[in-house]
Amino acid sequence: MNFEKYIDHTLLKPESTRDQIDRIIEEAKTYHFKSICINPTHVAYAHEKLADSDVLVCTVIGFPLGASTKEVKAFETKNAIENGADEIDMVINIGALKDGRYDDVQADIAAVVEAAQGKTVKVIIETVLLTDEEKVKACQLAQAANATFVKTSTGFAGGGATVEDVKLMKKTVGDTM
């Protein structure tokens, strides 16, 4: 199995510099990673630097809190696509999910999916902040909004992926995502 094709080489620190972006670009090209995942401000630069490779450019939307409006997330997504993003990692509106405002959460995800114009959209649900029931509901809403994948966490809220969370998410989405 070619594990490198499943790796999103990620640098999302707010203080990321061009030199650091150049380093992960070179590492991704050298090791044949699927993509680099970077903040939106670096997308156009990375897209240009990766033009001669098969490494994709992924960026984050509503990151890391997920608390932006769906209109802002849609704009961020359109702008990222225009700048050369191949994939989108979005953070759900966690507060809306916890409030039980499921229509708002689904609309939030759907707005990004639509703005992505057929590009891959991965939905980060921030499992460390959710109950198991909320994790299941978040996965169901991502499916209903036609997202491509669900992801466990941003890595910015403490904790991270657990085997139990991955099993629960896989059980919920099956082979559809």
N, C-alpha and C. Protein backbone atom coordinates (compact mmCIF):
# COMPACT_ATOMS: atom_id res chain seq x y z
N MET A 1 0.84 -1.18 0.00
CA MET A 1 0.00 0.00 0.00
C MET A 1 0.89 1.25 0.00
N ASN A 2 0.52 2.24 -0.77
CA ASN A 2 1.26 3.49 -0.85
C ASN A 2 0.68 4.50 0.14
N PHE A 3 1.14 4.42 1.38
CA PHE A 3 0.62 5.29 2.44
C PHE A 3 0.84 6.76 2.16
N GLU A 4 1.91 7.07 1.45
CA GLU A 4 2.22 8.48 1.20
C GLU A 4 1.10 9.19 0.45
N LYS A 5 0.32 8.45 -0.33
CA LYS A 5 -0.78 9.06 -1.08
C LYS A 5 -2.00 9.38 -0.20
N TYR A 6 -1.89 9.05 1.08
CA TYR A 6 -2.95 9.37 2.03
C TYR A 6 -2.54 10.49 2.98
N ILE A 7 -1.36 11.03 2.79
CA ILE A 7 -0.83 12.01 3.72
C ILE A 7 -1.06 13.43 3.22
N ASP A 8 -1.70 14.24 4.07
CA ASP A 8 -1.84 15.67 3.86
C ASP A 8 -0.75 16.31 4.72
N HIS A 9 0.31 16.74 4.12
CA HIS A 9 1.43 17.36 4.86
C HIS A 9 0.96 18.76 5.27
N THR A 10 0.86 18.99 6.57
CA THR A 10 0.12 20.14 7.09
C THR A 10 1.00 21.13 7.84
N LEU A 11 0.75 22.40 7.55
CA LEU A 11 1.38 23.51 8.29
C LEU A 11 0.33 24.61 8.42
N LEU A 12 -0.28 24.71 9.60
CA LEU A 12 -1.37 25.66 9.82
C LEU A 12 -1.08 26.65 10.93
N LYS A 13 0.15 26.78 11.32
CA LYS A 13 0.49 27.75 12.36
C LYS A 13 0.31 29.16 11.80
N PRO A 14 -0.21 30.07 12.61
CA PRO A 14 -0.44 31.43 12.11
C PRO A 14 0.85 32.17 11.75
N GLU A 15 1.95 31.75 12.31
CA GLU A 15 3.23 32.42 12.04
C GLU A 15 4.02 31.77 10.90
N SER A 16 3.37 30.90 10.14
CA SER A 16 4.04 30.21 9.02
C SER A 16 4.64 31.21 8.04
N THR A 17 5.87 30.94 7.64
CA THR A 17 6.58 31.82 6.70
C THR A 17 6.69 31.14 5.34
N ARG A 18 7.07 31.91 4.34
CA ARG A 18 7.29 31.36 3.00
C ARG A 18 8.38 30.28 3.02
N ASP A 19 9.43 30.49 3.80
CA ASP A 19 10.48 29.47 3.90
C ASP A 19 9.91 28.16 4.42
N GLN A 20 9.03 28.23 5.39
CA GLN A 20 8.41 27.02 5.93
C GLN A 20 7.47 26.38 4.90
N ILE A 21 6.75 27.20 4.16
CA ILE A 21 5.88 26.68 3.11
C ILE A 21 6.74 26.00 2.04
N ASP A 22 7.84 26.63 1.65
CA ASP A 22 8.75 26.02 0.67
C ASP A 22 9.25 24.66 1.17
N ARG A 23 9.54 24.57 2.45
CA ARG A 23 10.04 23.30 3.02
C ARG A 23 9.00 22.19 2.90
N ILE A 24 7.74 22.48 3.27
CA ILE A 24 6.76 21.39 3.19
C ILE A 24 6.41 21.07 1.73
N ILE A 25 6.49 22.04 0.85
CA ILE A 25 6.29 21.78 -0.58
C ILE A 25 7.36 20.80 -1.06
N GLU A 26 8.60 21.06 -0.74
CA GLU A 26 9.70 20.19 -1.17
C GLU A 26 9.58 18.80 -0.55
N GLU A 27 9.20 18.74 0.71
CA GLU A 27 9.02 17.44 1.37
C GLU A 27 7.87 16.67 0.72
N ALA A 28 6.79 17.35 0.42
CA ALA A 28 5.64 16.69 -0.21
C ALA A 28 6.01 16.16 -1.59
N LYS A 29 6.76 16.93 -2.33
CA LYS A 29 7.21 16.48 -3.66
C LYS A 29 8.19 15.31 -3.54
N THR A 30 9.11 15.40 -2.62
CA THR A 30 10.12 14.36 -2.43
C THR A 30 9.48 13.02 -2.04
N TYR A 31 8.54 13.07 -1.11
CA TYR A 31 7.93 11.85 -0.57
C TYR A 31 6.61 11.48 -1.24
N HIS A 32 6.21 12.25 -2.23
CA HIS A 32 5.00 11.97 -3.01
C HIS A 32 3.73 11.94 -2.16
N PHE A 33 3.64 12.92 -1.23
CA PHE A 33 2.43 13.04 -0.43
C PHE A 33 1.26 13.48 -1.31
N LYS A 34 0.07 13.18 -0.86
CA LYS A 34 -1.13 13.56 -1.62
C LYS A 34 -1.26 15.08 -1.73
N SER A 35 -1.06 15.75 -0.58
CA SER A 35 -1.29 17.20 -0.59
C SER A 35 -0.48 17.88 0.50
N ILE A 36 -0.46 19.20 0.40
CA ILE A 36 -0.07 20.03 1.53
C ILE A 36 -1.33 20.75 1.97
N CYS A 37 -1.46 20.94 3.28
CA CYS A 37 -2.61 21.67 3.81
C CYS A 37 -2.06 22.90 4.53
N ILE A 38 -2.48 24.06 4.03
CA ILE A 38 -1.91 25.33 4.48
C ILE A 38 -3.03 26.36 4.68
N ASN A 39 -2.69 27.43 5.35
CA ASN A 39 -3.65 28.52 5.53
C ASN A 39 -3.94 29.20 4.19
N PRO A 40 -5.14 29.76 4.04
CA PRO A 40 -5.54 30.36 2.76
C PRO A 40 -4.59 31.43 2.22
N THR A 41 -3.91 32.14 3.07
CA THR A 41 -3.02 33.19 2.63
C THR A 41 -1.86 32.67 1.78
N HIS A 42 -1.56 31.38 1.88
CA HIS A 42 -0.44 30.78 1.15
C HIS A 42 -0.87 29.99 -0.09
N VAL A 43 -2.16 29.91 -0.37
CA VAL A 43 -2.65 29.04 -1.44
C VAL A 43 -2.10 29.42 -2.81
N ALA A 44 -2.22 30.66 -3.21
CA ALA A 44 -1.77 31.06 -4.55
C ALA A 44 -0.28 30.79 -4.72
N TYR A 45 0.50 31.10 -3.70
CA TYR A 45 1.94 30.87 -3.74
C TYR A 45 2.24 29.37 -3.90
N ALA A 46 1.60 28.54 -3.08
CA ALA A 46 1.83 27.10 -3.15
C ALA A 46 1.36 26.51 -4.47
N HIS A 47 0.23 26.99 -4.95
CA HIS A 47 -0.30 26.51 -6.23
C HIS A 47 0.73 26.74 -7.34
N GLU A 48 1.32 27.91 -7.35
CA GLU A 48 2.34 28.23 -8.35
C GLU A 48 3.57 27.32 -8.20
N LYS A 49 4.01 27.12 -6.96
CA LYS A 49 5.19 26.30 -6.70
C LYS A 49 4.96 24.82 -6.99
N LEU A 50 3.71 24.38 -6.94
CA LEU A 50 3.40 22.96 -7.15
C LEU A 50 2.88 22.67 -8.56
N ALA A 51 2.93 23.65 -9.43
CA ALA A 51 2.37 23.49 -10.78
C ALA A 51 2.96 22.32 -11.55
N ASP A 52 4.20 21.98 -11.28
CA ASP A 52 4.87 20.90 -12.01
C ASP A 52 4.85 19.56 -11.26
N SER A 53 3.93 19.42 -10.31
CA SER A 53 3.89 18.18 -9.52
C SER A 53 2.46 17.66 -9.42
N ASP A 54 2.34 16.48 -8.84
CA ASP A 54 1.00 15.91 -8.61
C ASP A 54 0.54 16.13 -7.17
N VAL A 55 1.26 16.95 -6.40
CA VAL A 55 0.87 17.27 -5.03
C VAL A 55 -0.25 18.31 -5.08
N LEU A 56 -1.33 18.02 -4.36
CA LEU A 56 -2.48 18.92 -4.33
C LEU A 56 -2.31 20.00 -3.25
N VAL A 57 -3.03 21.10 -3.44
CA VAL A 57 -3.07 22.16 -2.45
C VAL A 57 -4.41 22.10 -1.72
N CYS A 58 -4.33 21.92 -0.42
CA CYS A 58 -5.52 21.91 0.43
C CYS A 58 -5.43 23.11 1.36
N THR A 59 -6.58 23.71 1.65
CA THR A 59 -6.60 24.81 2.61
C THR A 59 -7.77 24.65 3.56
N VAL A 60 -7.77 25.47 4.59
CA VAL A 60 -8.77 25.39 5.64
C VAL A 60 -9.75 26.56 5.56
N ILE A 61 -10.98 26.27 5.93
CA ILE A 61 -12.06 27.25 5.89
C ILE A 61 -12.72 27.28 7.27
N GLY A 62 -12.95 28.50 7.78
CA GLY A 62 -13.56 28.63 9.11
C GLY A 62 -12.65 28.07 10.19
N PHE A 63 -11.38 28.17 9.97
CA PHE A 63 -10.40 27.50 10.81
C PHE A 63 -9.81 28.46 11.84
N PRO A 64 -9.61 28.02 13.07
CA PRO A 64 -9.85 26.68 13.61
C PRO A 64 -11.17 26.55 14.38
N LEU A 65 -11.93 27.62 14.51
CA LEU A 65 -13.09 27.61 15.39
C LEU A 65 -14.40 27.15 14.75
N GLY A 66 -14.54 27.33 13.44
CA GLY A 66 -15.80 26.98 12.78
C GLY A 66 -16.91 27.98 13.03
N ALA A 67 -16.60 29.10 13.65
CA ALA A 67 -17.63 30.04 14.11
C ALA A 67 -17.96 31.13 13.11
N SER A 68 -17.45 31.06 11.90
CA SER A 68 -17.80 32.04 10.86
C SER A 68 -19.19 31.72 10.32
N THR A 69 -19.83 32.72 9.72
CA THR A 69 -21.12 32.46 9.08
C THR A 69 -20.93 31.63 7.82
N LYS A 70 -22.01 31.02 7.35
CA LYS A 70 -21.91 30.22 6.13
C LYS A 70 -21.54 31.09 4.93
N GLU A 71 -21.97 32.35 4.94
CA GLU A 71 -21.62 33.25 3.84
C GLU A 71 -20.12 33.54 3.80
N VAL A 72 -19.53 33.73 4.96
CA VAL A 72 -18.09 33.96 5.04
C VAL A 72 -17.34 32.70 4.61
N LYS A 73 -17.79 31.55 5.07
CA LYS A 73 -17.14 30.29 4.68
C LYS A 73 -17.26 30.06 3.18
N ALA A 74 -18.41 30.38 2.60
CA ALA A 74 -18.58 30.23 1.14
C ALA A 74 -17.64 31.17 0.40
N PHE A 75 -17.51 32.40 0.87
CA PHE A 75 -16.59 33.34 0.23
C PHE A 75 -15.15 32.86 0.35
N GLU A 76 -14.77 32.43 1.55
CA GLU A 76 -13.41 31.89 1.76
C GLU A 76 -13.14 30.75 0.79
N THR A 77 -14.13 29.89 0.62
CA THR A 77 -13.97 28.73 -0.26
C THR A 77 -13.81 29.16 -1.71
N LYS A 78 -14.68 30.05 -2.18
CA LYS A 78 -14.57 30.54 -3.57
C LYS A 78 -13.22 31.19 -3.80
N ASN A 79 -12.78 31.99 -2.86
CA ASN A 79 -11.49 32.66 -2.97
C ASN A 79 -10.34 31.65 -3.01
N ALA A 80 -10.42 30.64 -2.17
CA ALA A 80 -9.39 29.60 -2.15
C ALA A 80 -9.33 28.84 -3.47
N ILE A 81 -10.49 28.52 -4.03
CA ILE A 81 -10.54 27.81 -5.32
C ILE A 81 -9.95 28.70 -6.41
N GLU A 82 -10.33 29.97 -6.42
CA GLU A 82 -9.78 30.91 -7.40
C GLU A 82 -8.26 31.02 -7.29
N ASN A 83 -7.74 30.89 -6.09
CA ASN A 83 -6.30 30.98 -5.86
C ASN A 83 -5.56 29.67 -6.10
N GLY A 84 -6.31 28.59 -6.41
CA GLY A 84 -5.66 27.34 -6.78
C GLY A 84 -5.83 26.18 -5.82
N ALA A 85 -6.69 26.30 -4.82
CA ALA A 85 -6.91 25.18 -3.90
C ALA A 85 -7.58 24.02 -4.63
N ASP A 86 -7.09 22.82 -4.35
CA ASP A 86 -7.66 21.60 -4.92
C ASP A 86 -8.61 20.91 -3.94
N GLU A 87 -8.39 21.14 -2.65
CA GLU A 87 -9.19 20.52 -1.60
C GLU A 87 -9.46 21.54 -0.51
N ILE A 88 -10.58 21.32 0.19
CA ILE A 88 -11.03 22.22 1.25
C ILE A 88 -11.24 21.40 2.53
N ASP A 89 -10.66 21.87 3.63
CA ASP A 89 -10.93 21.32 4.96
C ASP A 89 -11.69 22.40 5.73
N MET A 90 -12.95 22.14 6.01
CA MET A 90 -13.77 23.13 6.72
C MET A 90 -14.09 22.66 8.13
N VAL A 91 -14.26 23.62 9.03
CA VAL A 91 -14.66 23.31 10.40
C VAL A 91 -16.14 23.65 10.54
N ILE A 92 -16.89 22.71 11.10
CA ILE A 92 -18.32 22.95 11.29
C ILE A 92 -18.56 24.01 12.35
N ASN A 93 -19.78 24.53 12.38
CA ASN A 93 -20.21 25.44 13.43
C ASN A 93 -20.55 24.57 14.64
N ILE A 94 -19.58 24.44 15.52
CA ILE A 94 -19.70 23.54 16.66
C ILE A 94 -20.79 24.00 17.62
N GLY A 95 -20.88 25.30 17.85
CA GLY A 95 -21.91 25.82 18.75
C GLY A 95 -23.31 25.52 18.24
N ALA A 96 -23.51 25.67 16.93
CA ALA A 96 -24.82 25.36 16.36
C ALA A 96 -25.16 23.88 16.53
N LEU A 97 -24.17 23.02 16.34
CA LEU A 97 -24.41 21.58 16.54
C LEU A 97 -24.81 21.31 17.98
N LYS A 98 -24.07 21.89 18.91
CA LYS A 98 -24.36 21.66 20.33
C LYS A 98 -25.72 22.25 20.73
N ASP A 99 -26.16 23.31 20.03
CA ASP A 99 -27.48 23.89 20.27
C ASP A 99 -28.61 23.05 19.68
N GLY A 100 -28.26 22.09 18.83
CA GLY A 100 -29.28 21.31 18.14
C GLY A 100 -29.82 22.01 16.90
N ARG A 101 -29.11 23.02 16.41
CA ARG A 101 -29.54 23.74 15.20
C ARG A 101 -28.97 23.02 13.96
N TYR A 102 -29.50 21.83 13.75
CA TYR A 102 -28.96 20.95 12.72
C TYR A 102 -29.15 21.49 11.31
N ASP A 103 -30.25 22.18 11.05
CA ASP A 103 -30.45 22.78 9.73
C ASP A 103 -29.36 23.81 9.44
N ASP A 104 -28.96 24.57 10.46
CA ASP A 104 -27.89 25.56 10.29
C ASP A 104 -26.55 24.89 9.99
N VAL A 105 -26.28 23.80 10.69
CA VAL A 105 -25.02 23.08 10.47
C VAL A 105 -24.98 22.50 9.06
N GLN A 106 -26.07 21.88 8.66
CA GLN A 106 -26.11 21.31 7.31
C GLN A 106 -26.00 22.40 6.25
N ALA A 107 -26.67 23.52 6.45
CA ALA A 107 -26.59 24.63 5.50
C ALA A 107 -25.17 25.19 5.43
N ASP A 108 -24.49 25.24 6.55
CA ASP A 108 -23.10 25.69 6.64
C ASP A 108 -22.21 24.81 5.77
N ILE A 109 -22.35 23.51 5.94
CA ILE A 109 -21.55 22.55 5.15
C ILE A 109 -21.93 22.64 3.68
N ALA A 110 -23.22 22.68 3.40
CA ALA A 110 -23.70 22.72 2.01
C ALA A 110 -23.20 23.97 1.29
N ALA A 111 -23.11 25.08 1.99
CA ALA A 111 -22.62 26.32 1.37
C ALA A 111 -21.17 26.16 0.92
N VAL A 112 -20.38 25.50 1.71
CA VAL A 112 -18.98 25.26 1.35
C VAL A 112 -18.89 24.25 0.21
N VAL A 113 -19.67 23.19 0.28
CA VAL A 113 -19.67 22.18 -0.79
C VAL A 113 -20.04 22.84 -2.12
N GLU A 114 -21.07 23.67 -2.12
CA GLU A 114 -21.48 24.35 -3.35
C GLU A 114 -20.38 25.30 -3.85
N ALA A 115 -19.80 26.07 -2.94
CA ALA A 115 -18.76 27.02 -3.33
C ALA A 115 -17.50 26.32 -3.83
N ALA A 116 -17.29 25.08 -3.41
CA ALA A 116 -16.10 24.33 -3.80
C ALA A 116 -16.15 23.83 -5.24
N GLN A 117 -17.29 23.95 -5.87
CA GLN A 117 -17.42 23.65 -7.31
C GLN A 117 -16.91 22.26 -7.68
N GLY A 118 -17.28 21.26 -6.88
CA GLY A 118 -16.90 19.88 -7.20
C GLY A 118 -15.57 19.44 -6.62
N LYS A 119 -14.84 20.34 -5.98
CA LYS A 119 -13.57 19.96 -5.34
C LYS A 119 -13.87 19.18 -4.05
N THR A 120 -12.91 18.44 -3.60
CA THR A 120 -13.03 17.67 -2.36
C THR A 120 -13.26 18.59 -1.17
N VAL A 121 -14.28 18.26 -0.36
CA VAL A 121 -14.56 19.00 0.87
C VAL A 121 -14.52 18.01 2.03
N LYS A 122 -13.60 18.28 2.95
CA LYS A 122 -13.47 17.47 4.16
C LYS A 122 -14.02 18.29 5.33
N VAL A 123 -14.88 17.68 6.11
CA VAL A 123 -15.57 18.37 7.20
C VAL A 123 -14.95 17.96 8.54
N ILE A 124 -14.37 18.94 9.22
CA ILE A 124 -13.76 18.69 10.52
C ILE A 124 -14.83 18.92 11.59
N ILE A 125 -15.08 17.89 12.41
CA ILE A 125 -16.17 17.99 13.39
C ILE A 125 -15.70 18.27 14.81
N GLU A 126 -14.41 18.27 15.05
CA GLU A 126 -13.81 18.57 16.36
C GLU A 126 -14.35 17.66 17.45
N THR A 127 -14.04 16.37 17.30
CA THR A 127 -14.59 15.32 18.18
C THR A 127 -14.32 15.54 19.66
N VAL A 128 -13.20 16.16 20.00
CA VAL A 128 -12.87 16.35 21.42
C VAL A 128 -13.91 17.21 22.14
N LEU A 129 -14.67 17.99 21.39
CA LEU A 129 -15.67 18.88 21.99
C LEU A 129 -17.09 18.30 21.96
N LEU A 130 -17.24 17.10 21.40
CA LEU A 130 -18.58 16.55 21.16
C LEU A 130 -18.85 15.27 21.94
N THR A 131 -20.13 15.05 22.24
CA THR A 131 -20.57 13.76 22.77
C THR A 131 -20.62 12.77 21.60
N ASP A 132 -20.74 11.50 21.90
CA ASP A 132 -20.86 10.51 20.83
C ASP A 132 -22.09 10.78 19.96
N GLU A 133 -23.20 11.16 20.58
CA GLU A 133 -24.40 11.46 19.82
C GLU A 133 -24.17 12.63 18.87
N GLU A 134 -23.46 13.64 19.34
CA GLU A 134 -23.16 14.80 18.49
C GLU A 134 -22.21 14.43 17.36
N LYS A 135 -21.27 13.54 17.62
CA LYS A 135 -20.35 13.08 16.58
C LYS A 135 -21.13 12.38 15.47
N VAL A 136 -22.05 11.51 15.86
CA VAL A 136 -22.89 10.80 14.88
C VAL A 136 -23.70 11.80 14.08
N LYS A 137 -24.34 12.73 14.74
CA LYS A 137 -25.17 13.73 14.06
C LYS A 137 -24.33 14.57 13.11
N ALA A 138 -23.15 14.99 13.53
CA ALA A 138 -22.27 15.79 12.67
C ALA A 138 -21.91 15.01 11.40
N CYS A 139 -21.61 13.74 11.55
CA CYS A 139 -21.29 12.90 10.38
C CYS A 139 -22.49 12.78 9.45
N GLN A 140 -23.66 12.60 10.02
CA GLN A 140 -24.88 12.50 9.22
C GLN A 140 -25.16 13.79 8.46
N LEU A 141 -24.94 14.91 9.11
CA LEU A 141 -25.16 16.21 8.46
C LEU A 141 -24.15 16.43 7.33
N ALA A 142 -22.91 16.03 7.54
CA ALA A 142 -21.89 16.14 6.49
C ALA A 142 -22.28 15.28 5.28
N GLN A 143 -22.77 14.08 5.55
CA GLN A 143 -23.24 13.21 4.46
C GLN A 143 -24.39 13.86 3.72
N ALA A 144 -25.37 14.36 4.45
CA ALA A 144 -26.56 14.96 3.85
C ALA A 144 -26.20 16.18 3.00
N ALA A 145 -25.13 16.89 3.37
CA ALA A 145 -24.70 18.08 2.63
C ALA A 145 -23.77 17.74 1.47
N ASN A 146 -23.54 16.45 1.25
CA ASN A 146 -22.70 15.96 0.14
C ASN A 146 -21.22 16.29 0.27
N ALA A 147 -20.73 16.36 1.50
CA ALA A 147 -19.28 16.50 1.70
C ALA A 147 -18.60 15.22 1.27
N THR A 148 -17.30 15.31 1.04
CA THR A 148 -16.54 14.17 0.56
C THR A 148 -16.06 13.28 1.70
N PHE A 149 -15.58 13.89 2.77
CA PHE A 149 -15.03 13.17 3.92
C PHE A 149 -15.43 13.87 5.21
N VAL A 150 -15.29 13.15 6.32
CA VAL A 150 -15.34 13.76 7.65
C VAL A 150 -13.99 13.52 8.32
N LYS A 151 -13.58 14.50 9.14
CA LYS A 151 -12.31 14.42 9.86
C LYS A 151 -12.56 14.67 11.34
N THR A 152 -11.67 14.16 12.16
CA THR A 152 -11.88 14.24 13.61
C THR A 152 -11.62 15.61 14.21
N SER A 153 -10.48 16.23 13.85
CA SER A 153 -10.12 17.41 14.63
C SER A 153 -9.18 18.36 13.89
N THR A 154 -9.15 19.57 14.40
CA THR A 154 -8.22 20.58 13.89
C THR A 154 -6.84 20.42 14.49
N GLY A 155 -6.78 19.81 15.67
CA GLY A 155 -5.53 19.75 16.41
C GLY A 155 -5.31 21.00 17.25
N PHE A 156 -6.26 21.93 17.19
CA PHE A 156 -6.12 23.19 17.92
C PHE A 156 -7.00 23.25 19.16
N ALA A 157 -7.87 22.26 19.38
CA ALA A 157 -8.81 22.31 20.51
C ALA A 157 -8.39 21.39 21.65
N GLY A 158 -7.16 20.91 21.62
CA GLY A 158 -6.73 19.94 22.62
C GLY A 158 -7.20 18.56 22.23
N GLY A 159 -6.46 17.58 22.60
CA GLY A 159 -6.82 16.23 22.19
C GLY A 159 -6.63 16.07 20.70
N GLY A 160 -7.21 15.06 20.15
CA GLY A 160 -7.10 14.79 18.73
C GLY A 160 -7.86 13.53 18.40
N ALA A 161 -7.47 12.90 17.34
CA ALA A 161 -8.15 11.68 16.90
C ALA A 161 -7.93 10.54 17.89
N THR A 162 -8.99 9.79 18.13
CA THR A 162 -8.88 8.57 18.92
C THR A 162 -9.40 7.42 18.08
N VAL A 163 -8.96 6.23 18.39
CA VAL A 163 -9.42 5.05 17.67
C VAL A 163 -10.94 4.92 17.82
N GLU A 164 -11.44 5.21 19.01
CA GLU A 164 -12.89 5.10 19.26
C GLU A 164 -13.67 6.06 18.37
N ASP A 165 -13.18 7.29 18.24
CA ASP A 165 -13.86 8.27 17.40
C ASP A 165 -13.85 7.83 15.94
N VAL A 166 -12.72 7.35 15.47
CA VAL A 166 -12.63 6.92 14.07
C VAL A 166 -13.59 5.75 13.82
N LYS A 167 -13.67 4.80 14.75
CA LYS A 167 -14.60 3.67 14.61
C LYS A 167 -16.05 4.16 14.55
N LEU A 168 -16.40 5.10 15.44
CA LEU A 168 -17.76 5.63 15.48
C LEU A 168 -18.08 6.36 14.18
N MET A 169 -17.16 7.17 13.70
CA MET A 169 -17.39 7.92 12.47
C MET A 169 -17.52 6.97 11.28
N LYS A 170 -16.66 5.96 11.22
CA LYS A 170 -16.70 4.98 10.12
C LYS A 170 -18.02 4.21 10.16
N LYS A 171 -18.45 3.83 11.37
CA LYS A 171 -19.72 3.12 11.51
C LYS A 171 -20.88 3.99 11.02
N THR A 172 -20.79 5.29 11.28
CA THR A 172 -21.85 6.22 10.90
C THR A 172 -21.90 6.45 9.39
N VAL A 173 -20.76 6.71 8.78
CA VAL A 173 -20.75 7.05 7.35
C VAL A 173 -20.58 5.85 6.44
N GLY A 174 -20.14 4.72 6.98
CA GLY A 174 -19.94 3.53 6.16
C GLY A 174 -18.93 3.78 5.06
N ASP A 175 -19.23 3.28 3.89
CA ASP A 175 -18.33 3.43 2.74
C ASP A 175 -18.73 4.60 1.85
N THR A 176 -19.66 5.43 2.32
CA THR A 176 -20.14 6.53 1.48
C THR A 176 -19.24 7.76 1.53
N MET A 177 -18.36 7.81 2.51
CA MET A 177 -17.47 8.97 2.63
C MET A 177 -16.05 8.47 2.85
